[in-house]
Amino acid sequence: MPETIRLSVIATPGTRPPARGFESHPRHADKTTPLRKIDPAKWPSPRGYSHAVAGTGTFVFVGGQIATDNAGRVKSVGLVAQARQALRNVRTVLAEAGGSPEHIAQMTWHVLDIDHYRARLRELGAIYREIMGSHNPAMVIVEVSALLEPAALVEIAATAILPVGGGSSPVCVHPALSGGAFPATAEASGYGTASP
C-alpha cells in the first residue's frame, strides 16, 4: 500500500485586505475557486498571467516537474513537447492532492533558453490552454543555466490553494508513493532525493 507522508507544517487559512492601490477586477472574479486575481486598476490587463493572486485554503506546493514519461524518462524532444509533458505532470500531481488547474495561484517556469521560449510563445500558450484551461495564475518565467536532468529543457513548479473543506488534507504527494503515473524527477534521473 502506498505511504502518505503528512506534513508537520500546515498553512492556516486567514483573510487579508488587498494591498494598497490594488483592486480585484470583476472580470477576473471566479466564485468556484478560493483565488482572487489582483491587478493594479490603472494598468493594462495582463495577457496570459495575473500580476498577483490571493486566496485562502490549503496550500499545495508542486515541486519542479519536467517532461518525464511513465517510466521516468525524458523522451520528448523540443521545448514545446517538453512543456506539454511537464504541464501534464503538474496537473497529475495537483490532482493527487485534490486540486485542479484553476486552483494554481503561481506557476514558475525554468527554461534553458529564454530566446527560444519567446520564439515559441504562441505554441506554448496553445499547449498551456490545452492542458491548464483559461485560468491565468501569477506567472514567473526565468532562464537558468542548467537543470538537474541533463535532457530537460524546461522545469515547471506551481503553488495552488485548494478551497477550505475541498481537496485532501495537507500531504506530501509523491506520485510514486501514491500510485501516480510517473516517478519524481530526481529519482527518475538516478540522483536520489533529499526528502525524508
C-alpha atoms as a PDB file:
ATOM      1  CA  MET A   1       0.000   0.000   0.000  1.00  0.00           C
ATOM      2  CA  PRO A   2       1.391   3.444  -0.891  1.00  0.00           C
ATOM      3  CA  GLU A   3       2.653   5.522   2.004  1.00  0.00           C
ATOM      4  CA  THR A   4       1.270   9.015   2.589  1.00  0.00           C
ATOM      5  CA  ILE A   5       3.639  11.404   4.296  1.00  0.00           C
ATOM      6  CA  ARG A   6       1.895  14.038   6.417  1.00  0.00           C
ATOM      7  CA  LEU A   7       3.446  17.483   6.621  1.00  0.00           C
ATOM      8  CA  SER A   8       4.156  18.887  10.067  1.00  0.00           C
ATOM      9  CA  VAL A   9       3.598  22.488   8.967  1.00  0.00           C
ATOM     10  CA  ILE A  10       0.135  23.467   7.784  1.00  0.00           C
ATOM     11  CA  ALA A  11      -0.745  26.846   6.296  1.00  0.00           C
ATOM     12  CA  THR A  12      -3.616  28.303   8.309  1.00  0.00           C
ATOM     13  CA  PRO A  13      -6.329  29.972   6.243  1.00  0.00           C
ATOM     14  CA  GLY A  14      -6.830  33.646   7.055  1.00  0.00           C
ATOM     15  CA  THR A  15      -8.082  36.782   5.429  1.00  0.00           C
ATOM     16  CA  ARG A  16      -6.168  39.878   4.426  1.00  0.00           C
ATOM     17  CA  PRO A  17      -7.292  43.050   2.757  1.00  0.00           C
ATOM     18  CA  PRO A  18      -5.822  43.677  -0.690  1.00  0.00           C
ATOM     19  CA  ALA A  19      -2.592  45.676  -0.828  1.00  0.00           C
ATOM     20  CA  ARG A  20      -2.992  49.444  -1.162  1.00  0.00           C
ATOM     21  CA  GLY A  21      -3.660  50.622  -4.676  1.00  0.00           C
ATOM     22  CA  PHE A  22      -4.618  47.170  -5.907  1.00  0.00           C
ATOM     23  CA  GLU A  23      -8.099  46.049  -6.713  1.00  0.00           C
ATOM     24  CA  SER A  24      -9.668  42.788  -7.676  1.00  0.00           C
ATOM     25  CA  HIS A  25     -11.296  43.283 -11.051  1.00  0.00           C
ATOM     26  CA  PRO A  26     -14.775  41.795 -11.580  1.00  0.00           C
ATOM     27  CA  ARG A  27     -13.641  40.463 -14.961  1.00  0.00           C
ATOM     28  CA  HIS A  28     -11.254  38.172 -13.075  1.00  0.00           C
ATOM     29  CA  ALA A  29     -13.688  37.077 -10.358  1.00  0.00           C
ATOM     30  CA  ASP A  30     -14.294  33.335 -10.190  1.00  0.00           C
ATOM     31  CA  LYS A  31     -16.570  32.108  -7.420  1.00  0.00           C
ATOM     32  CA  THR A  32     -15.622  28.419  -7.874  1.00  0.00           C
ATOM     33  CA  THR A  33     -12.060  28.791  -6.569  1.00  0.00           C
ATOM     34  CA  PRO A  34     -10.562  30.235  -3.381  1.00  0.00           C
ATOM     35  CA  LEU A  35      -8.455  32.581  -5.513  1.00  0.00           C
ATOM     36  CA  ARG A  36      -8.812  36.279  -6.201  1.00  0.00           C
ATOM     37  CA  LYS A  37      -6.779  37.769  -9.041  1.00  0.00           C
ATOM     38  CA  ILE A  38      -5.269  41.154  -8.302  1.00  0.00           C
ATOM     39  CA  ASP A  39      -4.175  43.622 -10.956  1.00  0.00           C
ATOM     40  CA  PRO A  40      -3.429  47.332 -10.454  1.00  0.00           C
ATOM     41  CA  ALA A  41      -6.540  49.254 -11.514  1.00  0.00           C
ATOM     42  CA  LYS A  42      -4.737  51.668 -13.835  1.00  0.00           C
ATOM     43  CA  TRP A  43      -2.504  49.098 -15.520  1.00  0.00           C
ATOM     44  CA  PRO A  44      -3.465  47.316 -18.747  1.00  0.00           C
ATOM     45  CA  SER A  45      -4.886  43.836 -18.232  1.00  0.00           C
ATOM     46  CA  PRO A  46      -2.118  41.244 -18.300  1.00  0.00           C
ATOM     47  CA  ARG A  47      -2.239  38.703 -21.102  1.00  0.00           C
ATOM     48  CA  GLY A  48      -1.708  35.057 -20.160  1.00  0.00           C
ATOM     49  CA  TYR A  49      -0.971  35.694 -16.470  1.00  0.00           C
ATOM     50  CA  SER A  50      -2.087  37.693 -13.418  1.00  0.00           C
ATOM     51  CA  HIS A  51       0.020  40.265 -11.564  1.00  0.00           C
ATOM     52  CA  ALA A  52      -0.954  38.697  -8.236  1.00  0.00           C
ATOM     53  CA  VAL A  53      -3.312  36.073  -6.866  1.00  0.00           C
ATOM     54  CA  ALA A  54      -4.616  35.955  -3.279  1.00  0.00           C
ATOM     55  CA  GLY A  55      -6.565  33.199  -1.603  1.00  0.00           C
ATOM     56  CA  THR A  56      -7.314  31.203   1.499  1.00  0.00           C
ATOM     57  CA  GLY A  57      -7.367  27.456   1.865  1.00  0.00           C
ATOM     58  CA  THR A  58      -4.971  24.530   1.816  1.00  0.00           C
ATOM     59  CA  PHE A  59      -1.693  25.310   0.083  1.00  0.00           C
ATOM     60  CA  VAL A  60      -0.230  22.729  -2.296  1.00  0.00           C
ATOM     61  CA  PHE A  61       3.372  23.232  -3.407  1.00  0.00           C
ATOM     62  CA  VAL A  62       4.060  21.302  -6.613  1.00  0.00           C
ATOM     63  CA  GLY A  63       7.796  20.728  -6.980  1.00  0.00           C
ATOM     64  CA  GLY A  64       9.525  21.292 -10.299  1.00  0.00           C
ATOM     65  CA  GLN A  65       8.175  18.944 -12.960  1.00  0.00           C
ATOM     66  CA  ILE A  66       9.977  18.055 -16.162  1.00  0.00           C
ATOM     67  CA  ALA A  67       8.911  16.049 -19.212  1.00  0.00           C
ATOM     68  CA  THR A  68       9.225  12.609 -17.641  1.00  0.00           C
ATOM     69  CA  ASP A  69       7.076   9.804 -19.003  1.00  0.00           C
ATOM     70  CA  ASN A  70       5.532   6.924 -17.031  1.00  0.00           C
ATOM     71  CA  ALA A  71       8.943   5.237 -16.794  1.00  0.00           C
ATOM     72  CA  GLY A  72      10.674   8.397 -15.583  1.00  0.00           C
ATOM     73  CA  ARG A  73      12.475   9.073 -18.856  1.00  0.00           C
ATOM     74  CA  VAL A  74      12.628  12.343 -20.769  1.00  0.00           C
ATOM     75  CA  LYS A  75      11.618  11.233 -24.263  1.00  0.00           C
ATOM     76  CA  SER A  76      10.161  14.476 -25.566  1.00  0.00           C
ATOM     77  CA  VAL A  77      12.337  16.441 -27.948  1.00  0.00           C
ATOM     78  CA  GLY A  78      11.977  20.203 -28.185  1.00  0.00           C
ATOM     79  CA  LEU A  79      10.749  22.864 -25.806  1.00  0.00           C
ATOM     80  CA  VAL A  80       7.066  22.728 -26.792  1.00  0.00           C
ATOM     81  CA  ALA A  81       6.806  18.933 -26.452  1.00  0.00           C
ATOM     82  CA  GLN A  82       8.653  19.002 -23.131  1.00  0.00           C
ATOM     83  CA  ALA A  83       6.488  21.847 -21.811  1.00  0.00           C
ATOM     84  CA  ARG A  84       3.351  19.875 -22.754  1.00  0.00           C
ATOM     85  CA  GLN A  85       4.507  16.846 -20.728  1.00  0.00           C
ATOM     86  CA  ALA A  86       5.755  18.952 -17.799  1.00  0.00           C
ATOM     87  CA  LEU A  87       2.358  20.710 -17.621  1.00  0.00           C
ATOM     88  CA  ARG A  88       0.609  17.320 -17.695  1.00  0.00           C
ATOM     89  CA  ASN A  89       2.835  16.225 -14.814  1.00  0.00           C
ATOM     90  CA  VAL A  90       1.990  19.381 -12.815  1.00  0.00           C
ATOM     91  CA  ARG A  91      -1.693  18.659 -13.413  1.00  0.00           C
ATOM     92  CA  THR A  92      -1.271  14.998 -12.346  1.00  0.00           C
ATOM     93  CA  VAL A  93       0.491  15.896  -9.089  1.00  0.00           C
ATOM     94  CA  LEU A  94      -2.097  18.576  -8.328  1.00  0.00           C
ATOM     95  CA  ALA A  95      -4.933  16.099  -8.956  1.00  0.00           C
ATOM     96  CA  GLU A  96      -3.313  13.689  -6.462  1.00  0.00           C
ATOM     97  CA  ALA A  97      -3.647  16.469  -3.866  1.00  0.00           C
ATOM     98  CA  GLY A  98      -7.322  17.002  -4.761  1.00  0.00           C
ATOM     99  CA  GLY A  99      -6.798  20.110  -6.877  1.00  0.00           C
ATOM    100  CA  SER A 100      -7.144  21.207 -10.467  1.00  0.00           C
ATOM    101  CA  PRO A 101      -5.557  23.912 -12.655  1.00  0.00           C
ATOM    102  CA  GLU A 102      -7.954  26.658 -11.529  1.00  0.00           C
ATOM    103  CA  HIS A 103      -6.502  26.300  -8.015  1.00  0.00           C
ATOM    104  CA  ILE A 104      -2.998  27.309  -9.149  1.00  0.00           C
ATOM    105  CA  ALA A 105      -2.040  30.668  -7.634  1.00  0.00           C
ATOM    106  CA  GLN A 106       1.503  30.851  -9.016  1.00  0.00           C
ATOM    107  CA  MET A 107       3.486  28.972 -11.625  1.00  0.00           C
ATOM    108  CA  THR A 108       7.222  29.228 -12.258  1.00  0.00           C
ATOM    109  CA  TRP A 109       8.864  28.088 -15.488  1.00  0.00           C
ATOM    110  CA  HIS A 110      12.616  27.478 -15.559  1.00  0.00           C
ATOM    111  CA  VAL A 111      13.857  27.407 -19.170  1.00  0.00           C
ATOM    112  CA  LEU A 112      17.337  26.878 -20.570  1.00  0.00           C
ATOM    113  CA  ASP A 113      16.926  29.363 -23.419  1.00  0.00           C
ATOM    114  CA  ILE A 114      14.661  32.390 -22.969  1.00  0.00           C
ATOM    115  CA  ASP A 115      15.028  33.431 -26.617  1.00  0.00           C
ATOM    116  CA  HIS A 116      13.778  30.000 -27.725  1.00  0.00           C
ATOM    117  CA  TYR A 117      10.886  30.354 -25.241  1.00  0.00           C
ATOM    118  CA  ARG A 118       9.964  33.748 -26.711  1.00  0.00           C
ATOM    119  CA  ALA A 119      10.145  32.378 -30.271  1.00  0.00           C
ATOM    120  CA  ARG A 120       7.697  29.588 -29.320  1.00  0.00           C
ATOM    121  CA  LEU A 121       5.371  31.724 -27.197  1.00  0.00           C
ATOM    122  CA  ARG A 122       2.296  31.230 -29.405  1.00  0.00           C
ATOM    123  CA  GLU A 123       2.713  27.420 -29.393  1.00  0.00           C
ATOM    124  CA  LEU A 124       3.445  27.368 -25.661  1.00  0.00           C
ATOM    125  CA  GLY A 125       0.316  29.442 -24.992  1.00  0.00           C
ATOM    126  CA  ALA A 126      -1.770  26.982 -27.006  1.00  0.00           C
ATOM    127  CA  ILE A 127      -0.495  23.929 -25.117  1.00  0.00           C
ATOM    128  CA  TYR A 128      -0.897  25.752 -21.797  1.00  0.00           C
ATOM    129  CA  ARG A 129      -4.589  26.407 -22.583  1.00  0.00           C
ATOM    130  CA  GLU A 130      -4.993  22.814 -23.849  1.00  0.00           C
ATOM    131  CA  ILE A 131      -3.781  21.352 -20.541  1.00  0.00           C
ATOM    132  CA  MET A 132      -4.485  24.041 -17.941  1.00  0.00           C
ATOM    133  CA  GLY A 133      -7.509  25.787 -19.439  1.00  0.00           C
ATOM    134  CA  SER A 134      -8.059  29.532 -19.446  1.00  0.00           C
ATOM    135  CA  HIS A 135      -7.013  30.141 -15.819  1.00  0.00           C
ATOM    136  CA  ASN A 136      -4.038  32.520 -15.650  1.00  0.00           C
ATOM    137  CA  PRO A 137      -2.125  32.395 -12.348  1.00  0.00           C
ATOM    138  CA  ALA A 138       0.663  34.742 -11.327  1.00  0.00           C
ATOM    139  CA  MET A 139       3.491  33.605 -13.597  1.00  0.00           C
ATOM    140  CA  VAL A 140       7.289  33.666 -13.480  1.00  0.00           C
ATOM    141  CA  ILE A 141       9.457  32.627 -16.429  1.00  0.00           C
ATOM    142  CA  VAL A 142      13.189  32.588 -15.785  1.00  0.00           C
ATOM    143  CA  GLU A 143      16.196  31.451 -17.795  1.00  0.00           C
ATOM    144  CA  VAL A 144      18.561  29.122 -15.941  1.00  0.00           C
ATOM    145  CA  SER A 145      21.988  27.817 -16.927  1.00  0.00           C
ATOM    146  CA  ALA A 146      21.146  24.157 -16.247  1.00  0.00           C
ATOM    147  CA  LEU A 147      18.545  21.799 -14.817  1.00  0.00           C
ATOM    148  CA  LEU A 148      19.224  18.698 -12.703  1.00  0.00           C
ATOM    149  CA  GLU A 149      18.118  16.365 -15.522  1.00  0.00           C
ATOM    150  CA  PRO A 150      20.530  16.982 -18.442  1.00  0.00           C
ATOM    151  CA  ALA A 151      17.884  16.150 -21.101  1.00  0.00           C
ATOM    152  CA  ALA A 152      15.336  18.633 -19.690  1.00  0.00           C
ATOM    153  CA  LEU A 153      14.751  21.959 -21.447  1.00  0.00           C
ATOM    154  CA  VAL A 154      12.059  23.225 -19.052  1.00  0.00           C
ATOM    155  CA  GLU A 155      11.005  22.627 -15.450  1.00  0.00           C
ATOM    156  CA  ILE A 156       7.680  23.893 -14.099  1.00  0.00           C
ATOM    157  CA  ALA A 157       6.717  24.383 -10.441  1.00  0.00           C
ATOM    158  CA  ALA A 158       3.384  25.592  -9.077  1.00  0.00           C
ATOM    159  CA  THR A 159       1.697  26.720  -5.889  1.00  0.00           C
ATOM    160  CA  ALA A 160      -2.019  26.012  -5.596  1.00  0.00           C
ATOM    161  CA  ILE A 161      -4.614  26.951  -2.995  1.00  0.00           C
ATOM    162  CA  LEU A 162      -7.444  24.458  -2.534  1.00  0.00           C
ATOM    163  CA  PRO A 163     -10.790  25.672  -1.152  1.00  0.00           C
ATOM    164  CA  VAL A 164     -11.324  25.329   2.586  1.00  0.00           C
ATOM    165  CA  GLY A 165     -13.034  21.972   3.047  1.00  0.00           C
ATOM    166  CA  GLY A 166     -12.101  20.970  -0.509  1.00  0.00           C
ATOM    167  CA  GLY A 167      -9.344  18.699  -1.665  1.00  0.00           C
ATOM    168  CA  SER A 168      -7.457  16.438   0.674  1.00  0.00           C
ATOM    169  CA  SER A 169      -5.732  17.290   3.923  1.00  0.00           C
ATOM    170  CA  PRO A 170      -2.203  18.659   3.547  1.00  0.00           C
ATOM    171  CA  VAL A 171       0.067  15.840   2.464  1.00  0.00           C
ATOM    172  CA  CYS A 172       3.391  15.458   0.747  1.00  0.00           C
ATOM    173  CA  VAL A 173       2.264  13.988  -2.565  1.00  0.00           C
ATOM    174  CA  HIS A 174       4.827  11.905  -4.389  1.00  0.00           C
ATOM    175  CA  PRO A 175       3.228  10.082  -7.330  1.00  0.00           C
ATOM    176  CA  ALA A 176       5.452   7.024  -6.902  1.00  0.00           C
ATOM    177  CA  LEU A 177       4.278   6.711  -3.271  1.00  0.00           C
ATOM    178  CA  SER A 178       0.638   7.410  -4.042  1.00  0.00           C
ATOM    179  CA  GLY A 179       0.223   5.200  -7.100  1.00  0.00           C
ATOM    180  CA  GLY A 180       0.780   8.020  -9.605  1.00  0.00           C
ATOM    181  CA  ALA A 181       1.904   7.527 -13.169  1.00  0.00           C
ATOM    182  CA  PHE A 182       5.461   8.794 -13.022  1.00  0.00           C
ATOM    183  CA  PRO A 183       8.374   8.943 -10.592  1.00  0.00           C
ATOM    184  CA  ALA A 184       9.780  12.218  -9.283  1.00  0.00           C
ATOM    185  CA  THR A 185      12.443  13.931 -11.350  1.00  0.00           C
ATOM    186  CA  ALA A 186      15.414  13.227  -9.081  1.00  0.00           C
ATOM    187  CA  GLU A 187      14.569   9.555  -8.675  1.00  0.00           C
ATOM    188  CA  ALA A 188      13.840   9.144 -12.378  1.00  0.00           C
ATOM    189  CA  SER A 189      17.247  10.616 -13.121  1.00  0.00           C
ATOM    190  CA  GLY A 190      19.004   8.385 -10.615  1.00  0.00           C
ATOM    191  CA  TYR A 191      20.081  11.345  -8.480  1.00  0.00           C
ATOM    192  CA  GLY A 192      18.109  10.413  -5.362  1.00  0.00           C
ATOM    193  CA  THR A 193      16.229  12.928  -3.250  1.00  0.00           C
ATOM    194  CA  ALA A 194      16.736  14.970  -0.134  1.00  0.00           C
ATOM    195  CA  SER A 195      13.187  14.203   1.041  1.00  0.00           C
ATOM    196  CA  PRO A 196      12.560  12.033   4.118  1.00  0.00           C
END
